[in-house]
Amino acid sequence: MTSSASPKIEMGWLHPVDGDRTFVLQAESKAVGRIRFEDECGARSAAEWNGRRWTFERTGAFRHCIVIRAEGSDTPVAEFTRFLAGGGVASFANGSQYNWVRTHLWSGRWCFRSRQQKSAVCVSQEAGALMQGGRVAVCAGALEREETHVLVLLAWYLRILETFELAESPLVCA
């Protein structure tokens, strides 16, 4: 089990160029990953972590399903299914599953938690103005897990999709 006192690795998402849809993940002032939103609604995006590449493809309108594939492969590495009430579940081809949940009811901080354990998977991300960037915290022991790299990228992808959706939705006034 992971304790809440375990050491964490802090990283940050940067949105370096106005008008560009590429976000860069930095650790210790070095670029270690990136996500490029290929269209404004984020239906297809390319992601990278230390030279490994994936594609994220969103389908569906209200209950999104996001399929993650290794670059050049038709076989999904993972699928994320969104819940109507918020959050969702990431299911990996190896059988691992992680719930995407808020850390607190009104929090802007989200976390992937393992369904097999009560402790957090130690991938969380918190951001203010999302288009300006955000922070990611990963427990040191979690970086060795193959799923963690995809979860860090998926966490930011989901937060940016939420921003796109809010910008597209009409305001309803009473």
Protein backbone atom coordinates (compact mmCIF):
# COMPACT_ATOMS: atom_id res chain seq x y z
CA MET A 1 0.00 0.00 0.00
CA THR A 2 1.09 3.51 -0.67
CA SER A 3 1.21 5.80 2.33
CA SER A 4 0.25 9.44 2.05
CA ALA A 5 3.75 10.30 3.32
CA SER A 6 5.54 8.62 0.42
CA PRO A 7 7.86 10.88 -1.56
CA LYS A 8 6.40 12.53 -4.63
CA ILE A 9 7.83 13.72 -7.89
CA GLU A 10 6.44 17.10 -8.92
CA MET A 11 5.99 17.96 -12.57
CA GLY A 12 4.29 20.79 -14.40
CA TRP A 13 2.29 21.20 -17.56
CA LEU A 14 3.16 24.30 -19.58
CA HIS A 15 1.33 25.87 -22.49
CA PRO A 16 4.26 27.74 -23.99
CA VAL A 17 2.92 29.33 -27.19
CA ASP A 18 -0.32 31.29 -27.65
CA GLY A 19 -2.56 29.76 -30.29
CA ASP A 20 -0.77 26.41 -30.19
CA ARG A 21 -2.57 23.39 -28.77
CA THR A 22 0.58 21.69 -27.47
CA PHE A 23 1.15 21.29 -23.74
CA VAL A 24 4.61 20.31 -22.45
CA LEU A 25 5.19 18.25 -19.30
CA GLN A 26 8.35 19.28 -17.43
CA ALA A 27 10.24 17.60 -14.61
CA GLU A 28 13.28 19.34 -13.13
CA SER A 29 13.12 21.96 -15.92
CA LYS A 30 13.35 19.31 -18.67
CA ALA A 31 10.61 18.40 -21.13
CA VAL A 32 9.60 14.78 -20.47
CA GLY A 33 6.27 14.67 -22.25
CA ARG A 34 3.74 16.52 -24.36
CA ILE A 35 0.18 16.45 -25.61
CA ARG A 36 -0.89 18.03 -28.88
CA PHE A 37 -4.61 18.58 -29.34
CA GLU A 38 -5.06 18.15 -33.07
CA ASP A 39 -8.45 19.88 -33.17
CA GLU A 40 -10.35 22.32 -30.98
CA CYS A 41 -12.67 19.72 -29.47
CA GLY A 42 -9.81 17.34 -28.62
CA ALA A 43 -11.37 14.39 -30.46
CA ARG A 44 -7.90 13.19 -31.47
CA SER A 45 -4.66 14.02 -29.76
CA ALA A 46 -1.07 12.84 -29.85
CA ALA A 47 0.80 12.27 -26.58
CA GLU A 48 4.42 11.47 -25.75
CA TRP A 49 6.43 10.55 -22.65
CA ASN A 50 10.22 10.14 -22.93
CA GLY A 51 10.07 9.07 -26.58
CA ARG A 52 7.06 6.71 -26.24
CA ARG A 53 4.03 7.88 -28.19
CA TRP A 54 0.30 7.29 -27.95
CA THR A 55 -2.88 8.58 -29.57
CA PHE A 56 -5.97 9.56 -27.61
CA GLU A 57 -9.27 9.34 -29.51
CA ARG A 58 -12.55 10.50 -28.02
CA THR A 59 -15.90 9.09 -29.14
CA GLY A 60 -19.44 9.74 -27.96
CA ALA A 61 -21.21 12.93 -26.94
CA PHE A 62 -22.30 12.74 -23.32
CA ARG A 63 -20.64 9.58 -22.07
CA HIS A 64 -17.23 9.83 -23.68
CA CYS A 65 -15.08 6.84 -24.32
CA ILE A 66 -11.43 7.62 -24.89
CA VAL A 67 -9.31 4.98 -26.57
CA ILE A 68 -5.55 5.13 -26.02
CA ARG A 69 -3.29 3.33 -28.49
CA ALA A 70 0.47 3.09 -28.82
CA GLU A 71 1.60 4.94 -31.93
CA GLY A 72 1.29 2.73 -34.99
CA SER A 73 -0.91 0.14 -33.27
CA ASP A 74 -4.61 -0.60 -33.71
CA THR A 75 -4.79 -2.41 -30.36
CA PRO A 76 -5.90 -0.26 -27.42
CA VAL A 77 -3.51 0.09 -24.48
CA ALA A 78 -6.35 1.48 -22.38
CA GLU A 79 -9.87 2.85 -22.57
CA PHE A 80 -11.37 5.56 -20.41
CA THR A 81 -15.12 5.58 -19.86
CA ARG A 82 -16.64 8.74 -18.47
CA PHE A 83 -19.40 8.60 -15.86
CA LEU A 84 -22.45 10.83 -16.36
CA ALA A 85 -22.08 12.21 -12.82
CA GLY A 86 -18.39 13.07 -13.39
CA GLY A 87 -15.18 11.14 -13.23
CA GLY A 88 -14.78 7.79 -14.91
CA VAL A 89 -12.67 4.66 -15.10
CA ALA A 90 -9.49 3.88 -17.05
CA SER A 91 -9.26 0.19 -17.97
CA PHE A 92 -5.94 -1.14 -19.24
CA ALA A 93 -5.39 -4.13 -21.52
CA ASN A 94 -3.46 -5.84 -18.69
CA GLY A 95 -6.60 -5.77 -16.49
CA SER A 96 -5.64 -2.82 -14.26
CA GLN A 97 -8.39 -0.29 -13.59
CA TYR A 98 -8.20 3.21 -12.12
CA ASN A 99 -11.03 5.52 -11.07
CA TRP A 100 -10.78 9.22 -12.01
CA VAL A 101 -12.18 11.12 -9.03
CA ARG A 102 -12.02 14.51 -7.34
CA THR A 103 -9.96 14.43 -4.16
CA HIS A 104 -12.75 16.36 -2.38
CA LEU A 105 -16.29 17.25 -3.41
CA TRP A 106 -15.54 20.87 -4.40
CA SER A 107 -11.88 20.42 -5.22
CA GLY A 108 -10.26 21.32 -8.54
CA ARG A 109 -7.80 18.49 -7.90
CA TRP A 110 -8.37 15.13 -9.57
CA CYS A 111 -6.71 11.79 -8.99
CA PHE A 112 -6.56 8.32 -10.49
CA ARG A 113 -7.11 5.71 -7.78
CA SER A 114 -6.57 2.00 -8.21
CA ARG A 115 -9.72 -0.08 -8.01
CA GLN A 116 -7.73 -2.94 -6.46
CA GLN A 117 -6.37 -0.89 -3.55
CA LYS A 118 -7.78 1.68 -1.15
CA SER A 119 -4.76 3.94 -1.52
CA ALA A 120 -4.28 6.45 -4.31
CA VAL A 121 -2.32 5.37 -7.35
CA CYS A 122 -0.38 8.55 -6.70
CA VAL A 123 -1.13 10.28 -9.96
CA SER A 124 -2.92 13.52 -9.33
CA GLN A 125 -3.13 16.81 -11.08
CA GLU A 126 -4.29 20.19 -9.91
CA ALA A 127 -4.55 23.34 -11.96
CA GLY A 128 -5.90 26.85 -11.84
CA ALA A 129 -6.40 28.41 -15.24
CA LEU A 130 -5.95 25.23 -17.25
CA MET A 131 -4.90 26.84 -20.48
CA GLN A 132 -1.99 28.39 -18.58
CA GLY A 133 -0.69 25.05 -17.31
CA GLY A 134 -0.95 22.94 -14.19
CA ARG A 135 0.82 20.70 -11.71
CA VAL A 136 1.15 16.95 -11.47
CA ALA A 137 2.29 14.91 -8.46
CA VAL A 138 3.34 11.29 -8.86
CA CYS A 139 4.44 9.04 -6.01
CA ALA A 140 8.06 8.07 -6.62
CA GLY A 141 7.30 4.32 -6.69
CA ALA A 142 4.53 4.73 -9.25
CA LEU A 143 6.77 5.91 -12.10
CA GLU A 144 7.99 2.35 -12.73
CA ARG A 145 4.44 1.22 -13.56
CA GLU A 146 3.64 1.28 -17.26
CA GLU A 147 0.15 2.62 -16.55
CA THR A 148 1.44 5.68 -14.71
CA HIS A 149 2.82 7.35 -17.84
CA VAL A 150 -0.49 6.93 -19.63
CA LEU A 151 -2.41 8.10 -16.53
CA VAL A 152 -0.37 11.31 -16.23
CA LEU A 153 -1.04 12.11 -19.90
CA LEU A 154 -4.69 11.06 -19.65
CA ALA A 155 -5.24 13.20 -16.54
CA TRP A 156 -4.18 16.35 -18.38
CA TYR A 157 -6.08 15.35 -21.52
CA LEU A 158 -9.27 14.99 -19.44
CA ARG A 159 -8.81 18.34 -17.72
CA ILE A 160 -8.27 20.13 -21.04
CA LEU A 161 -11.28 18.37 -22.59
CA GLU A 162 -13.36 19.66 -19.70
CA THR A 163 -12.17 23.19 -20.47
CA PHE A 164 -13.06 22.78 -24.16
CA GLU A 165 -16.53 21.47 -23.24
CA LEU A 166 -17.20 24.35 -20.86
CA ALA A 167 -16.19 26.85 -23.54
CA GLU A 168 -18.57 25.20 -26.06
CA SER A 169 -21.60 24.86 -23.78
CA PRO A 170 -24.24 27.61 -23.89
CA LEU A 171 -24.91 29.56 -20.71
CA VAL A 172 -28.36 29.03 -19.31
CA CYS A 173 -29.83 31.92 -17.34
CA ALA A 174 -32.99 31.75 -15.25
